[in-house]
Amino acid sequence: MTETTFNLAELENRIQKLISLHKELKAKAALLQAENQRLQAALKQEQDRLQAVQEGLRQKHEERTATGQNIGLLKRKINDIISEIDKSVLLINEQK
C-alpha cells in the first residue's frame, strides 16, 4: 500500500508539474502573441511609410519629367522666335 501511495504521490507531483508548465507555456504564448501583434502593427506602419515615400518619389519623377518637357518646348519656342528675328533682320538689311 505504501508503494501505491508513493506512486499516487509521484503521479500527483508530475500532474502538478505539468499544470505548472502548461500555465507557463500559456503565459509565454500570450506574450508571444502580443509581441507578434506589435510587430505586425510596426510592419504595417513601415509598409505604409514606404508606400508614401514611393508615391512621393513617383510624383517627383513625374514633375521632373513634365518640367523637362516644358523646358524643351520653351527652348524650341525661343529658337523659333530667334529664327524669326534673324529673318526679320535679314529682310530689313536687304531693304536698305
Protein backbone atom coordinates (compact mmCIF):
# COMPACT_ATOMS: atom_id res chain seq x y z
CA MET A 1 0.00 0.00 0.00
CA THR A 2 2.87 2.35 0.63
CA GLU A 3 4.10 1.71 -2.87
CA THR A 4 0.67 2.62 -4.23
CA THR A 5 0.62 5.75 -2.08
CA PHE A 6 4.13 6.60 -3.32
CA ASN A 7 3.04 6.10 -6.95
CA LEU A 8 -0.01 8.28 -6.38
CA ALA A 9 2.10 10.99 -4.75
CA GLU A 10 4.59 10.84 -7.62
CA LEU A 11 1.77 10.95 -10.13
CA GLU A 12 0.28 13.94 -8.33
CA ASN A 13 3.67 15.71 -8.42
CA ARG A 14 4.00 15.05 -12.13
CA ILE A 15 0.48 16.34 -12.75
CA GLN A 16 1.26 19.49 -10.74
CA LYS A 17 4.45 19.99 -12.78
CA LEU A 18 2.51 19.54 -16.00
CA ILE A 19 -0.12 22.03 -14.85
CA SER A 20 2.63 24.47 -13.89
CA LEU A 21 4.39 24.01 -17.24
CA HIS A 22 1.07 24.42 -19.02
CA LYS A 23 0.46 27.74 -17.23
CA GLU A 24 3.99 28.94 -18.05
CA LEU A 25 3.63 27.99 -21.71
CA LYS A 26 0.22 29.61 -21.87
CA ALA A 27 1.67 32.83 -20.45
CA LYS A 28 4.60 32.68 -22.90
CA ALA A 29 2.18 32.09 -25.77
CA ALA A 30 0.17 35.15 -24.71
CA LEU A 31 3.35 37.24 -24.57
CA LEU A 32 4.47 35.97 -27.95
CA GLN A 33 1.06 36.68 -29.42
CA ALA A 34 1.16 40.25 -28.06
CA GLU A 35 4.69 40.69 -29.44
CA ASN A 36 3.56 39.28 -32.78
CA GLN A 37 0.68 41.75 -32.93
CA ARG A 38 3.03 44.62 -32.04
CA LEU A 39 5.46 43.57 -34.75
CA GLN A 40 2.66 43.16 -37.28
CA ALA A 41 1.46 46.69 -36.50
CA ALA A 42 5.01 48.04 -36.82
CA LEU A 43 5.42 46.20 -40.13
CA LYS A 44 2.15 47.64 -41.43
CA GLN A 45 3.22 51.12 -40.37
CA GLU A 46 6.59 50.74 -42.13
CA GLN A 47 4.90 49.39 -45.26
CA ASP A 48 2.55 52.38 -45.28
CA ARG A 49 5.50 54.75 -44.81
CA LEU A 50 7.40 53.04 -47.62
CA GLN A 51 4.39 53.29 -49.90
CA ALA A 52 4.07 57.01 -49.10
CA VAL A 53 7.77 57.55 -49.85
CA GLN A 54 7.48 55.63 -53.12
CA GLU A 55 4.41 57.66 -54.10
CA GLY A 56 6.29 60.87 -53.32
CA LEU A 57 9.24 59.74 -55.43
CA ARG A 58 6.93 58.81 -58.29
CA GLN A 59 5.28 62.24 -58.15
CA LYS A 60 8.66 63.99 -58.09
CA HIS A 61 9.78 61.94 -61.09
CA GLU A 62 6.60 62.85 -62.97
CA GLU A 63 7.09 66.53 -62.08
CA ARG A 64 10.69 66.45 -63.27
CA THR A 65 9.65 64.76 -66.49
CA ALA A 66 6.93 67.35 -67.05
CA THR A 67 9.35 70.18 -66.23
CA GLY A 68 11.91 68.73 -68.64
CA GLN A 69 9.28 68.58 -71.37
CA ASN A 70 8.22 72.17 -70.65
CA ILE A 71 11.84 73.31 -70.84
CA GLY A 72 12.20 71.54 -74.19
CA LEU A 73 9.09 73.30 -75.51
CA LEU A 74 10.32 76.67 -74.26
CA LYS A 75 13.70 76.15 -75.92
CA ARG A 76 12.01 75.33 -79.21
CA LYS A 77 9.80 78.41 -78.95
CA ILE A 78 12.81 80.61 -78.15
CA ASN A 79 14.70 79.15 -81.11
CA ASP A 80 11.68 79.81 -83.35
CA ILE A 81 11.47 83.40 -82.13
CA ILE A 82 15.21 83.90 -82.67
CA SER A 83 14.86 82.47 -86.18
CA GLU A 84 12.01 84.89 -86.88
CA ILE A 85 14.09 87.80 -85.55
CA ASP A 86 17.03 86.75 -87.71
CA LYS A 87 14.77 86.58 -90.78
CA SER A 88 13.33 90.00 -89.95
CA VAL A 89 16.80 91.48 -89.52
CA LEU A 90 17.85 89.99 -92.87
CA LEU A 91 14.77 91.45 -94.56
CA ILE A 92 15.42 94.85 -93.02
CA ASN A 93 19.05 94.73 -94.14
CA GLU A 94 18.02 93.75 -97.66
CA GLN A 95 15.64 96.68 -97.91
CA LYS A 96 18.35 99.20 -97.06
